[in-house]
Amino acid sequence: MTISNDSRARIKRVFEPIALAMGRIGLTPNGLTLIGFTITTVGSILVGLQAWVVGGLIVFIGGVFDMFDGTLARATGQASKLGAFMDSTFDKAGEIIVFLGVIAGLQGAGAADVPVLVGAAALGASIMVSYARAKSDGLGYSSGMGLAAVGIMPREIRLVIISLGIILTGTSIGITSLEFALGIILIGSTITVIQRILYVWSQDKNPPTQPQ
C-alpha cells in the first residue's frame, strides 16, 4: 500500500480546519512542530516504562501533529524552508525516540535478544527510508512530495503500525503484537528503500556528479 499525493492532499484537507483553529489561538507552525515532538517524547518515555496503552496513544497523537504544522503553514502563507527543515528534523528525531522507547520497553519486559535486535533493525530501516528521499531531493532526482509517494511503508504507515503494536501490547495479546509490528516495519521499510532506489535509478537520465 502506498499513500499517493492525492490521498495525502485529502488527508491534509481534513486536518486543515483543526490546524487553522490552532493558528487562531496563537500557535505557529514551528510551535506545533515542537508541541508534536514534545508529545511524542512523553509517549516514548511511557512506552519505555511499559505503560503500553497510554504511551501508544500519546505516541500516535504526537505523530498526528505532523499533519497540523505543515497544513497550518500552507493555509496561512507561512510556509518556509526553515519550517520545512524544522518539520522534517523533529519528525525524524521523534521517530527515533519512539523506537528507543520501544526497545527500552522490550528490555524492561524481559524480551529475548532477537525482538530487541529487530527493533534496532526496524529503526535503521526507517531512517534509511527518509534518507533515501532526502538524498534524492538533494541530488535533484525528485523534489517536494515526489519520492514520498514511492514505497509501501512511508512514515504515516509506520506510525500507525508501531502505535497499534504498542497499544495492543497492553492488552491480553501481550508483547507478541509489538514484536510482530516491528517485524512488519523492518520488512516494509526495507522494501520501501529498495523501491526508492529503483525509482531514482529509473530517473537517472543525466547522472549527477555531486560527490557522496
Protein backbone atom coordinates (compact mmCIF):
# COMPACT_ATOMS: atom_id res chain seq x y z
CA MET A 1 0.00 0.00 0.00
CA THR A 2 1.26 3.44 -0.94
CA ILE A 3 -0.11 6.83 0.00
CA SER A 4 -0.47 8.85 -3.20
CA ASN A 5 -0.02 12.60 -3.40
CA ASP A 6 -3.80 12.95 -3.93
CA SER A 7 -4.50 10.88 -0.82
CA ARG A 8 -2.05 12.94 1.20
CA ALA A 9 -3.75 16.12 -0.02
CA ARG A 10 -7.19 14.81 1.00
CA ILE A 11 -5.91 13.87 4.46
CA LYS A 12 -4.35 17.29 4.93
CA ARG A 13 -7.62 18.98 3.91
CA VAL A 14 -9.39 17.09 6.68
CA PHE A 15 -6.88 18.43 9.20
CA GLU A 16 -6.92 22.00 7.84
CA PRO A 17 -9.86 23.29 9.97
CA ILE A 18 -8.18 21.95 13.13
CA ALA A 19 -4.85 23.49 12.14
CA LEU A 20 -6.48 26.85 11.43
CA ALA A 21 -8.23 26.74 14.80
CA MET A 22 -4.86 26.21 16.44
CA GLY A 23 -3.50 29.15 14.48
CA ARG A 24 -6.33 31.37 15.71
CA ILE A 25 -5.35 30.75 19.32
CA GLY A 26 -1.81 31.93 18.55
CA LEU A 27 0.05 28.75 17.72
CA THR A 28 2.57 28.91 14.86
CA PRO A 29 3.62 26.07 12.53
CA ASN A 30 7.01 25.79 14.24
CA GLY A 31 5.23 25.85 17.59
CA LEU A 32 3.07 22.91 16.50
CA THR A 33 6.20 21.07 15.38
CA LEU A 34 7.73 21.45 18.83
CA ILE A 35 4.48 20.52 20.59
CA GLY A 36 4.19 17.37 18.50
CA PHE A 37 7.81 16.45 19.28
CA THR A 38 7.22 17.01 23.00
CA ILE A 39 4.08 14.85 22.99
CA THR A 40 5.94 12.10 21.14
CA THR A 41 8.80 12.27 23.65
CA VAL A 42 6.41 11.93 26.59
CA GLY A 43 4.69 8.97 24.93
CA SER A 44 8.05 7.31 24.21
CA ILE A 45 9.11 7.64 27.84
CA LEU A 46 5.86 5.99 28.93
CA VAL A 47 6.43 3.20 26.42
CA GLY A 48 9.93 2.69 27.83
CA LEU A 49 8.30 2.32 31.27
CA GLN A 50 5.90 -0.29 29.80
CA ALA A 51 2.82 1.94 30.10
CA TRP A 52 1.85 0.45 26.76
CA VAL A 53 -1.71 1.63 26.13
CA VAL A 54 -1.31 5.21 27.34
CA GLY A 55 2.15 5.52 25.80
CA GLY A 56 0.98 4.15 22.45
CA LEU A 57 -1.96 6.54 22.31
CA ILE A 58 0.23 9.53 23.16
CA VAL A 59 2.81 8.50 20.56
CA PHE A 60 0.06 8.37 17.95
CA ILE A 61 -1.28 11.78 18.95
CA GLY A 62 2.22 13.24 18.74
CA GLY A 63 2.63 11.78 15.26
CA VAL A 64 -0.68 13.24 14.11
CA PHE A 65 0.69 16.72 14.83
CA ASP A 66 2.81 16.22 11.70
CA MET A 67 -0.40 16.91 9.80
CA PHE A 68 -1.05 20.17 11.63
CA ASP A 69 2.18 22.16 11.28
CA GLY A 70 2.60 21.89 7.53
CA THR A 71 -1.13 22.31 6.94
CA LEU A 72 -1.22 25.50 9.03
CA ALA A 73 1.88 26.87 7.29
CA ARG A 74 0.40 26.38 3.82
CA ALA A 75 -3.09 27.59 4.75
CA THR A 76 -1.77 30.82 6.31
CA GLY A 77 1.05 31.53 3.85
CA GLN A 78 3.73 30.86 6.47
CA ALA A 79 5.43 28.02 4.61
CA SER A 80 9.20 28.45 4.54
CA LYS A 81 12.41 26.47 4.02
CA LEU A 82 13.19 26.84 7.72
CA GLY A 83 9.78 25.49 8.66
CA ALA A 84 10.19 22.53 6.32
CA PHE A 85 13.61 21.84 7.81
CA MET A 86 12.27 22.04 11.36
CA ASP A 87 9.33 19.78 10.48
CA SER A 88 11.47 17.07 8.87
CA THR A 89 14.18 17.19 11.52
CA PHE A 90 11.85 16.93 14.51
CA ASP A 91 9.68 14.31 12.79
CA LYS A 92 12.72 12.09 12.36
CA ALA A 93 14.01 12.81 15.87
CA GLY A 94 10.58 11.89 17.23
CA GLU A 95 10.52 8.63 15.31
CA ILE A 96 13.96 7.69 16.62
CA ILE A 97 12.85 8.42 20.20
CA VAL A 98 9.77 6.21 19.74
CA PHE A 99 11.92 3.28 18.66
CA LEU A 100 14.29 3.86 21.57
CA GLY A 101 11.29 3.83 23.90
CA VAL A 102 10.08 0.60 22.33
CA ILE A 103 13.49 -1.04 22.68
CA ALA A 104 13.75 0.09 26.31
CA GLY A 105 10.24 -1.23 26.94
CA LEU A 106 11.09 -4.59 25.40
CA GLN A 107 14.18 -4.91 27.52
CA GLY A 108 12.27 -3.91 30.65
CA ALA A 109 9.63 -6.51 29.88
CA GLY A 110 12.30 -9.18 29.62
CA ALA A 111 12.08 -9.72 25.87
CA ALA A 112 14.58 -12.01 24.19
CA ASP A 113 17.54 -10.61 22.27
CA VAL A 114 16.00 -11.22 18.84
CA PRO A 115 13.00 -8.85 19.23
CA VAL A 116 15.32 -6.15 20.58
CA LEU A 117 17.61 -6.58 17.58
CA VAL A 118 14.60 -6.50 15.24
CA GLY A 119 13.57 -3.22 16.89
CA ALA A 120 17.02 -1.76 16.29
CA ALA A 121 16.98 -3.00 12.70
CA ALA A 122 13.50 -1.53 12.15
CA LEU A 123 14.79 1.81 13.42
CA GLY A 124 17.69 1.69 10.96
CA ALA A 125 15.45 0.72 8.06
CA SER A 126 13.03 3.55 8.89
CA ILE A 127 15.89 6.04 8.89
CA MET A 128 17.03 4.72 5.51
CA VAL A 129 13.56 5.35 4.06
CA SER A 130 13.81 9.02 4.97
CA TYR A 131 17.48 9.26 3.99
CA ALA A 132 16.75 7.90 0.51
CA ARG A 133 14.20 10.65 -0.03
CA ALA A 134 16.44 13.39 1.39
CA LYS A 135 19.42 12.31 -0.70
CA SER A 136 17.29 12.04 -3.81
CA ASP A 137 15.97 15.57 -3.28
CA GLY A 138 19.48 16.89 -2.64
CA LEU A 139 20.79 15.40 -5.87
CA GLY A 140 17.86 16.71 -7.89
CA TYR A 141 16.20 13.40 -8.72
CA SER A 142 12.96 14.37 -7.02
CA SER A 143 11.53 17.28 -5.14
CA GLY A 144 8.57 18.15 -2.96
CA MET A 145 6.41 15.08 -2.36
CA GLY A 146 7.82 13.17 -5.34
CA LEU A 147 9.66 10.33 -3.62
CA ALA A 148 7.35 10.42 -0.58
CA ALA A 149 4.69 8.68 -2.69
CA VAL A 150 7.08 5.84 -3.59
CA GLY A 151 7.07 2.72 -1.44
CA ILE A 152 4.77 0.64 0.73
CA MET A 153 5.96 1.94 4.12
CA PRO A 154 6.04 5.78 4.37
CA ARG A 155 6.14 7.46 7.78
CA GLU A 156 2.35 7.61 8.17
CA ILE A 157 2.04 3.85 7.79
CA ARG A 158 4.94 3.20 10.16
CA LEU A 159 3.30 5.47 12.75
CA VAL A 160 0.01 3.56 12.62
CA ILE A 161 1.71 0.16 12.81
CA ILE A 162 4.06 1.00 15.70
CA SER A 163 1.29 2.77 17.66
CA LEU A 164 -1.10 -0.13 17.20
CA GLY A 165 1.60 -2.63 18.16
CA ILE A 166 2.39 -0.68 21.33
CA ILE A 167 -1.26 -0.31 22.35
CA LEU A 168 -2.06 -4.00 21.78
CA THR A 169 0.94 -4.94 23.92
CA GLY A 170 -1.01 -3.58 26.89
CA THR A 171 -3.91 -5.96 26.18
CA SER A 172 -4.22 -9.72 26.55
CA ILE A 173 -2.28 -10.14 23.29
CA GLY A 174 0.88 -9.05 25.06
CA ILE A 175 4.33 -8.30 23.75
CA THR A 176 3.88 -10.52 20.69
CA SER A 177 1.92 -7.73 19.00
CA LEU A 178 4.83 -5.30 19.34
CA GLU A 179 7.32 -7.86 18.07
CA PHE A 180 5.05 -8.50 15.08
CA ALA A 181 4.69 -4.76 14.40
CA LEU A 182 8.47 -4.29 14.47
CA GLY A 183 8.91 -7.17 12.04
CA ILE A 184 6.38 -5.65 9.63
CA ILE A 185 8.11 -2.26 9.83
CA LEU A 186 11.52 -3.83 9.23
CA ILE A 187 10.39 -5.76 6.17
CA GLY A 188 8.18 -2.96 4.79
CA SER A 189 10.80 -0.26 5.29
CA THR A 190 13.48 -2.40 3.64
CA ILE A 191 11.20 -2.95 0.64
CA THR A 192 10.46 0.79 0.53
CA VAL A 193 14.17 1.63 0.45
CA ILE A 194 14.62 -0.77 -2.47
CA GLN A 195 11.59 0.74 -4.25
CA ARG A 196 13.03 4.24 -3.84
CA ILE A 197 16.45 3.14 -5.09
CA LEU A 198 14.83 1.64 -8.18
CA TYR A 199 12.76 4.81 -8.69
CA VAL A 200 15.85 7.02 -8.57
CA TRP A 201 17.69 4.59 -10.85
CA SER A 202 14.87 4.93 -13.40
CA GLN A 203 15.15 8.75 -13.20
CA ASP A 204 18.88 8.77 -13.86
CA LYS A 205 18.99 10.17 -17.39
CA ASN A 206 21.90 12.53 -16.61
CA PRO A 207 23.92 11.04 -13.74
CA PRO A 208 24.77 13.79 -11.23
CA THR A 209 28.39 14.49 -10.48
CA GLN A 210 27.91 15.72 -6.91
CA PRO A 211 30.28 13.85 -4.56
CA GLN A 212 28.89 11.45 -1.96
